[in-house]
Amino acid sequence: MALSVRHEVLTLPLRDPFRIARSDHGAGTRITTVVIELHDDRLPDIVGLGEGYPDRFYGETPETMATVMPLLLEAIGEPNLDVAGVDAAARAMAMAIRGHGAARCAIDIALHDLVGKAAGVPVHALRGLSADLPPTDFTLGLDEPSIVAERARRAADFPALKIKCGGPADLATLRAVRDVYDGPIRVDANTGWTRDDALALLPQLTELGVELIEQPFPARAYRDLAWLQERSTIPVVADESCVLPEDLDALEGVVAGINVKLAKCGGIAPAHAMLDEGRRRGFRTFLGCMEETSVGIAGSAVVASLADWVDLDGNLLLAADPFEGLVLGPDKRWQLSDGPGLGLVRKRV
């Protein structure tokens, strides 16, 4: 077999506590992610870097990733070392096993990095995508309103803030943020609202200038999502309801937008296809992330030119990122490498 993989489980502290409505994410103080090195015996001097964030909400752990990745490599075989080969590998992985987006994502990103390095081109150019990206927002987790407001004040140079909601202090939190921040506010309830919650909050959200409402209800609550979108001039964006490409069928005519994440759908190639298809169907597109290192964020940034909204700040939430090479410009746009692959290296300790 041409491909082999070495994986490493990283447990990394967060810069600030980060909690969301549906889980505690390591009690809000640390995250666990999996980075891999992909080797191809046809290219002994090249290593592809990849990352997958195992989220228990989607049934993944570092242990499931370690179990699944050899099966995925077996399904891939010896891919052609070009974009067609990478796309074929993504399809082979999707056919081999349903779900397991983080495991597929890690291999897909690493294969893109490896092929880009072999061809001597950056990954976005390999895929024929633009390096001109929308700016990223910055996300603030659940906490006391005054604490969230202070973090908003510190992040006021970002062109938009995403505020995690789904708790009893949502309105107070949003008002406190608005007192210190003039830009667009994006609200993410992570499945934490009921219809009554949403109905009570909706007039206030409009008054506060909220730009979008992300996943207010449980993942399969399509009727509730459609009910809210019918009553809201604010776009409703599906996240936990939008995992794989086939989920677009159930969401068409239900919500205005979709949140595509590489760790959900399986990597760069599936995200590229999903964003293209979402735009074709008339959805507004949101590119999101997990609390990943620069490897996962750089992989996501490859397809960011296809998104209306960008939320690629996972590595910015870490106390220390173990990788370097991805640069955030003063305008909060990720600057894609013009070197081969993703352009990332491990920091020296």
Protein backbone atom coordinates (compact mmCIF):
# COMPACT_ATOMS: atom_id res chain seq x y z
CA MET A 1 0.00 0.00 0.00
CA ALA A 2 1.34 3.42 -0.95
CA LEU A 3 -0.18 5.35 1.96
CA SER A 4 0.53 5.06 5.68
CA VAL A 5 -0.39 7.31 8.55
CA ARG A 6 0.97 8.25 11.94
CA HIS A 7 -1.48 9.99 14.26
CA GLU A 8 -1.02 12.01 17.43
CA VAL A 9 -3.68 12.97 19.96
CA LEU A 10 -3.21 16.53 21.19
CA THR A 11 -4.86 17.90 24.33
CA LEU A 12 -4.46 21.65 24.25
CA PRO A 13 -5.50 24.36 26.73
CA LEU A 14 -7.79 27.17 25.63
CA ARG A 15 -6.93 30.84 25.98
CA ASP A 16 -10.28 31.58 27.68
CA PRO A 17 -12.97 29.19 28.95
CA PHE A 18 -15.17 28.19 26.01
CA ARG A 19 -18.56 26.60 26.59
CA ILE A 20 -21.51 25.95 24.30
CA ALA A 21 -25.10 24.91 24.95
CA ARG A 22 -24.87 21.25 23.94
CA SER A 23 -21.56 20.17 25.50
CA ASP A 24 -18.81 21.30 27.82
CA HIS A 25 -15.91 20.77 25.37
CA GLY A 26 -13.44 19.50 27.97
CA ALA A 27 -15.13 21.50 30.74
CA GLY A 28 -14.47 24.56 28.59
CA THR A 29 -10.76 24.75 29.39
CA ARG A 30 -9.10 22.38 26.89
CA ILE A 31 -9.71 20.58 23.63
CA THR A 32 -8.68 17.25 22.16
CA THR A 33 -7.81 16.99 18.49
CA VAL A 34 -5.96 14.51 16.28
CA VAL A 35 -3.18 15.50 13.87
CA ILE A 36 -1.68 13.08 11.39
CA GLU A 37 1.35 12.69 9.16
CA LEU A 38 0.55 10.96 5.87
CA HIS A 39 3.34 9.15 4.04
CA ASP A 40 3.35 7.81 0.49
CA ASP A 41 6.11 5.33 -0.33
CA ARG A 42 6.24 6.82 -3.83
CA LEU A 43 7.26 10.15 -2.24
CA PRO A 44 9.67 9.21 0.56
CA ASP A 45 10.79 12.78 1.24
CA ILE A 46 7.30 14.36 1.55
CA VAL A 47 4.94 14.32 4.53
CA GLY A 48 1.33 15.47 4.38
CA LEU A 49 -0.10 17.16 7.49
CA GLY A 50 -3.75 16.66 8.39
CA GLU A 51 -6.13 17.14 11.29
CA GLY A 52 -9.51 15.87 12.37
CA TYR A 53 -11.43 17.11 15.40
CA PRO A 54 -13.35 14.22 17.01
CA ASP A 55 -16.65 15.55 18.34
CA ARG A 56 -18.64 13.13 20.51
CA PHE A 57 -21.85 14.79 19.30
CA TYR A 58 -21.15 13.17 15.94
CA GLY A 59 -20.04 9.88 17.51
CA GLU A 60 -16.28 10.33 17.15
CA THR A 61 -13.41 10.04 19.59
CA PRO A 62 -9.64 9.75 19.12
CA GLU A 63 -10.11 6.00 19.55
CA THR A 64 -12.69 5.71 16.75
CA MET A 65 -10.43 7.77 14.50
CA ALA A 66 -7.48 5.46 15.16
CA THR A 67 -9.67 2.45 14.36
CA VAL A 68 -11.21 3.88 11.21
CA MET A 69 -8.21 5.50 9.51
CA PRO A 70 -6.50 2.23 8.43
CA LEU A 71 -9.80 1.13 6.85
CA LEU A 72 -10.00 4.43 4.99
CA LEU A 73 -6.45 4.09 3.69
CA GLU A 74 -7.31 0.60 2.47
CA ALA A 75 -10.32 2.01 0.62
CA ILE A 76 -8.16 4.70 -1.02
CA GLY A 77 -5.41 2.37 -2.22
CA GLU A 78 -2.80 4.18 -4.33
CA PRO A 79 -4.39 7.46 -5.42
CA ASN A 80 -3.26 9.48 -8.39
CA LEU A 81 -1.16 12.36 -7.13
CA ASP A 82 -3.34 15.12 -8.56
CA VAL A 83 -6.63 16.82 -7.72
CA ALA A 84 -8.61 14.11 -9.53
CA GLY A 85 -6.88 11.51 -7.37
CA VAL A 86 -7.65 13.46 -4.20
CA ASP A 87 -11.31 13.76 -5.19
CA ALA A 88 -11.45 10.04 -5.98
CA ALA A 89 -9.94 9.30 -2.57
CA ALA A 90 -12.62 11.41 -0.88
CA ARG A 91 -15.36 9.51 -2.72
CA ALA A 92 -13.77 6.18 -1.84
CA MET A 93 -13.66 7.09 1.84
CA ALA A 94 -17.29 8.25 1.82
CA MET A 95 -18.36 4.98 0.21
CA ALA A 96 -16.26 2.86 2.57
CA ILE A 97 -17.88 4.10 5.77
CA ARG A 98 -20.71 6.48 6.58
CA GLY A 99 -20.01 9.40 8.88
CA HIS A 100 -16.65 9.50 10.68
CA GLY A 101 -16.09 12.96 9.23
CA ALA A 102 -13.11 13.77 11.44
CA ALA A 103 -11.19 10.65 10.42
CA ARG A 104 -11.90 11.29 6.74
CA CYS A 105 -11.07 14.98 7.22
CA ALA A 106 -7.64 14.27 8.67
CA ILE A 107 -6.69 12.03 5.74
CA ASP A 108 -8.22 14.34 3.14
CA ILE A 109 -6.36 17.43 4.41
CA ALA A 110 -3.11 15.47 4.65
CA LEU A 111 -3.51 14.09 1.13
CA HIS A 112 -4.13 17.59 -0.22
CA ASP A 113 -1.00 18.81 1.58
CA LEU A 114 1.06 15.91 0.26
CA VAL A 115 -0.14 16.29 -3.35
CA GLY A 116 0.32 20.06 -3.24
CA LYS A 117 3.88 19.62 -2.00
CA ALA A 118 4.60 17.00 -4.68
CA ALA A 119 3.24 19.31 -7.40
CA GLY A 120 4.95 22.38 -5.94
CA VAL A 121 1.70 24.37 -5.69
CA PRO A 122 -0.45 25.66 -2.81
CA VAL A 123 -3.56 23.63 -2.07
CA HIS A 124 -6.01 26.37 -3.06
CA ALA A 125 -4.33 26.59 -6.48
CA LEU A 126 -4.44 22.80 -6.76
CA ARG A 127 -8.21 23.06 -6.41
CA GLY A 128 -8.52 26.12 -8.64
CA LEU A 129 -9.80 28.34 -5.83
CA SER A 130 -9.13 31.96 -4.99
CA ALA A 131 -6.83 33.13 -2.21
CA ASP A 132 -9.03 36.22 -1.75
CA LEU A 133 -11.06 35.27 1.33
CA PRO A 134 -13.78 36.90 3.42
CA PRO A 135 -12.63 37.90 6.92
CA THR A 136 -13.24 35.57 9.81
CA ASP A 137 -15.40 36.42 12.77
CA PHE A 138 -14.40 35.66 16.37
CA THR A 139 -16.44 33.41 18.67
CA LEU A 140 -17.26 34.00 22.34
CA GLY A 141 -18.48 31.12 24.50
CA LEU A 142 -21.20 31.01 27.12
CA ASP A 143 -20.39 32.85 30.34
CA GLU A 144 -21.68 35.63 32.58
CA PRO A 145 -22.83 38.60 30.47
CA SER A 146 -20.18 40.93 31.89
CA ILE A 147 -17.42 38.41 31.13
CA VAL A 148 -18.64 37.89 27.56
CA ALA A 149 -18.83 41.65 27.10
CA GLU A 150 -15.25 42.08 28.27
CA ARG A 151 -14.09 39.44 25.79
CA ALA A 152 -16.11 41.22 23.10
CA ARG A 153 -14.34 44.46 23.93
CA ARG A 154 -10.98 42.70 23.56
CA ALA A 155 -12.05 41.26 20.18
CA ALA A 156 -13.55 44.50 18.87
CA ASP A 157 -11.12 44.65 15.96
CA PHE A 158 -12.84 41.64 14.35
CA PRO A 159 -15.41 42.59 11.69
CA ALA A 160 -18.05 40.32 13.27
CA LEU A 161 -18.51 38.42 16.53
CA LYS A 162 -20.26 35.09 16.97
CA ILE A 163 -21.91 34.77 20.38
CA LYS A 164 -22.74 31.38 21.82
CA CYS A 165 -26.24 31.28 23.25
CA GLY A 166 -28.65 28.68 24.58
CA GLY A 167 -28.70 29.67 28.24
CA PRO A 168 -30.92 31.73 30.55
CA ALA A 169 -28.86 34.90 30.11
CA ASP A 170 -28.93 35.09 26.31
CA LEU A 171 -30.64 38.46 26.01
CA ALA A 172 -28.58 40.04 28.77
CA THR A 173 -25.41 38.72 27.13
CA LEU A 174 -26.31 40.07 23.71
CA ARG A 175 -27.21 43.47 25.14
CA ALA A 176 -23.95 43.59 27.07
CA VAL A 177 -21.99 42.76 23.91
CA ARG A 178 -23.86 45.40 21.91
CA ASP A 179 -22.93 47.99 24.52
CA VAL A 180 -19.23 47.50 23.72
CA TYR A 181 -19.28 46.33 20.09
CA ASP A 182 -20.74 48.08 17.04
CA GLY A 183 -20.23 45.42 14.36
CA PRO A 184 -22.37 42.51 13.18
CA ILE A 185 -23.35 39.95 15.81
CA ARG A 186 -23.94 36.32 14.87
CA VAL A 187 -25.91 34.17 17.30
CA ASP A 188 -25.26 30.44 17.71
CA ALA A 189 -27.59 28.54 20.06
CA ASN A 190 -26.08 25.08 19.34
CA THR A 191 -29.54 23.39 19.53
CA GLY A 192 -30.27 25.08 22.88
CA TRP A 193 -33.56 26.91 22.19
CA THR A 194 -37.23 25.99 22.21
CA ARG A 195 -39.85 27.65 20.03
CA ASP A 196 -40.88 29.76 23.02
CA ASP A 197 -37.28 30.90 23.53
CA ALA A 198 -36.93 31.88 19.90
CA LEU A 199 -40.27 33.66 19.73
CA ALA A 200 -39.49 35.72 22.83
CA LEU A 201 -36.01 36.63 21.62
CA LEU A 202 -36.71 37.31 17.94
CA PRO A 203 -37.84 40.98 18.25
CA GLN A 204 -34.85 41.73 20.45
CA LEU A 205 -32.46 40.02 18.04
CA THR A 206 -33.74 42.21 15.23
CA GLU A 207 -33.42 45.31 17.38
CA LEU A 208 -29.85 44.38 18.34
CA GLY A 209 -28.83 43.99 14.71
CA VAL A 210 -28.15 40.26 14.78
CA GLU A 211 -26.87 39.11 11.38
CA LEU A 212 -27.79 35.41 11.54
CA ILE A 213 -29.19 32.74 13.87
CA GLU A 214 -27.29 29.48 13.84
CA GLN A 215 -28.89 26.14 14.77
CA PRO A 216 -31.45 27.28 17.35
CA PHE A 217 -33.19 23.88 17.60
CA PRO A 218 -32.19 20.19 17.76
CA ALA A 219 -30.52 18.67 14.75
CA ARG A 220 -33.49 17.02 13.06
CA ALA A 221 -36.13 19.59 14.05
CA TYR A 222 -36.79 20.66 10.46
CA ARG A 223 -40.35 21.82 11.16
CA ASP A 224 -39.11 24.06 13.98
CA LEU A 225 -36.37 25.50 11.79
CA ALA A 226 -38.86 26.24 9.00
CA TRP A 227 -41.30 27.72 11.53
CA LEU A 228 -38.65 30.16 12.75
CA GLN A 229 -37.37 31.08 9.30
CA GLU A 230 -40.93 31.92 8.21
CA ARG A 231 -41.17 34.40 11.09
CA SER A 232 -37.65 35.81 10.90
CA THR A 233 -36.12 38.36 8.57
CA ILE A 234 -32.78 37.20 10.01
CA PRO A 235 -31.27 34.23 8.13
CA VAL A 236 -31.44 30.92 10.01
CA VAL A 237 -28.35 28.78 9.39
CA ALA A 238 -28.27 25.00 9.86
CA ASP A 239 -25.17 23.55 11.53
CA GLU A 240 -25.88 20.37 13.50
CA SER A 241 -28.66 19.73 10.94
CA CYS A 242 -26.17 20.05 8.07
CA VAL A 243 -23.46 17.41 8.30
CA LEU A 244 -23.24 15.58 4.97
CA PRO A 245 -24.12 16.60 1.39
CA GLU A 246 -27.35 14.59 1.46
CA ASP A 247 -28.61 16.79 4.33
CA LEU A 248 -29.15 19.60 1.83
CA ASP A 249 -32.24 17.83 0.51
CA ALA A 250 -34.03 18.07 3.87
CA LEU A 251 -32.95 21.70 4.40
CA GLU A 252 -34.03 23.12 1.06
CA GLY A 253 -36.92 25.52 1.67
CA VAL A 254 -36.38 25.21 5.43
CA VAL A 255 -33.49 27.56 6.26
CA ALA A 256 -31.68 30.36 4.48
CA GLY A 257 -28.16 29.14 5.14
CA ILE A 258 -25.94 26.12 5.77
CA ASN A 259 -22.82 25.78 7.89
CA VAL A 260 -20.22 23.55 6.25
CA LYS A 261 -17.37 22.23 8.40
CA LEU A 262 -14.56 20.01 7.19
CA ALA A 263 -14.64 17.87 10.35
CA LYS A 264 -18.33 17.12 9.73
CA CYS A 265 -18.36 16.46 5.99
CA GLY A 266 -14.96 14.80 5.63
CA GLY A 267 -12.37 17.33 4.47
CA ILE A 268 -11.46 19.83 1.79
CA ALA A 269 -12.80 17.93 -1.22
CA PRO A 270 -16.26 17.20 0.29
CA ALA A 271 -16.50 20.77 1.64
CA HIS A 272 -15.68 22.18 -1.81
CA ALA A 273 -18.43 20.07 -3.36
CA MET A 274 -20.91 20.84 -0.58
CA LEU A 275 -20.35 24.59 -0.77
CA ASP A 276 -20.70 24.53 -4.56
CA GLU A 277 -23.93 22.54 -4.32
CA GLY A 278 -25.30 24.71 -1.53
CA ARG A 279 -24.72 27.85 -3.57
CA ARG A 280 -26.31 26.21 -6.63
CA ARG A 281 -29.42 25.48 -4.56
CA GLY A 282 -29.65 29.07 -3.33
CA PHE A 283 -28.40 28.63 0.23
CA ARG A 284 -26.24 31.28 1.83
CA THR A 285 -23.01 29.59 2.82
CA PHE A 286 -21.26 29.68 6.18
CA LEU A 287 -17.85 28.03 6.59
CA GLY A 288 -17.29 26.99 10.19
CA CYS A 289 -14.69 25.12 12.20
CA MET A 290 -14.03 23.27 15.42
CA GLU A 291 -11.43 24.28 18.02
CA GLU A 292 -8.63 23.10 15.77
CA THR A 293 -4.98 23.94 15.30
CA SER A 294 -3.72 25.84 12.26
CA VAL A 295 -3.70 22.58 10.29
CA GLY A 296 -7.49 22.26 10.39
CA ILE A 297 -8.00 25.99 9.93
CA ALA A 298 -5.62 26.15 6.95
CA GLY A 299 -7.45 23.23 5.36
CA SER A 300 -10.75 25.04 5.86
CA ALA A 301 -9.37 28.32 4.53
CA VAL A 302 -8.67 26.61 1.20
CA VAL A 303 -12.42 26.70 0.43
CA ALA A 304 -13.25 29.95 2.26
CA SER A 305 -13.60 31.92 -0.98
CA LEU A 306 -16.85 29.97 -1.56
CA ALA A 307 -18.47 31.18 1.69
CA ASP A 308 -20.66 34.20 2.39
CA TRP A 309 -19.71 34.09 6.07
CA VAL A 310 -16.48 32.73 7.56
CA ASP A 311 -16.00 31.47 11.11
CA LEU A 312 -12.43 30.14 11.11
CA ASP A 313 -11.11 31.10 14.50
CA GLY A 314 -10.55 27.74 16.21
CA ASN A 315 -6.77 28.10 16.44
CA LEU A 316 -7.19 31.63 17.82
CA LEU A 317 -9.03 30.15 20.83
CA LEU A 318 -6.01 28.04 21.81
CA ALA A 319 -3.54 29.20 24.42
CA ALA A 320 -0.77 28.04 22.09
CA ASP A 321 -0.97 26.69 18.54
CA PRO A 322 1.61 23.94 17.92
CA PHE A 323 1.90 24.82 14.21
CA GLU A 324 3.00 27.93 12.34
CA GLY A 325 2.77 29.24 8.80
CA LEU A 326 -0.85 30.39 8.64
CA VAL A 327 -1.03 34.17 8.97
CA LEU A 328 -4.06 36.27 9.93
CA GLY A 329 -3.92 39.66 8.26
CA PRO A 330 -4.79 42.92 10.03
CA ASP A 331 -8.13 42.83 8.18
CA LYS A 332 -8.80 39.40 9.81
CA ARG A 333 -8.51 37.53 6.52
CA TRP A 334 -6.45 34.36 6.51
CA GLN A 335 -3.50 34.72 4.15
CA LEU A 336 -3.09 31.47 2.25
CA SER A 337 0.42 30.24 1.62
CA ASP A 338 1.85 30.74 -1.85
CA GLY A 339 4.25 27.85 -1.21
CA PRO A 340 3.56 24.17 -1.87
CA GLY A 341 0.85 22.40 0.12
CA LEU A 342 -0.63 24.15 3.15
CA GLY A 343 2.65 25.85 4.07
CA LEU A 344 2.64 24.71 7.71
CA VAL A 345 5.36 23.37 9.99
CA ARG A 346 5.44 22.15 13.56
CA LYS A 347 6.77 24.74 15.99
CA ARG A 348 10.02 23.90 17.66
CA VAL A 349 9.64 23.43 21.38
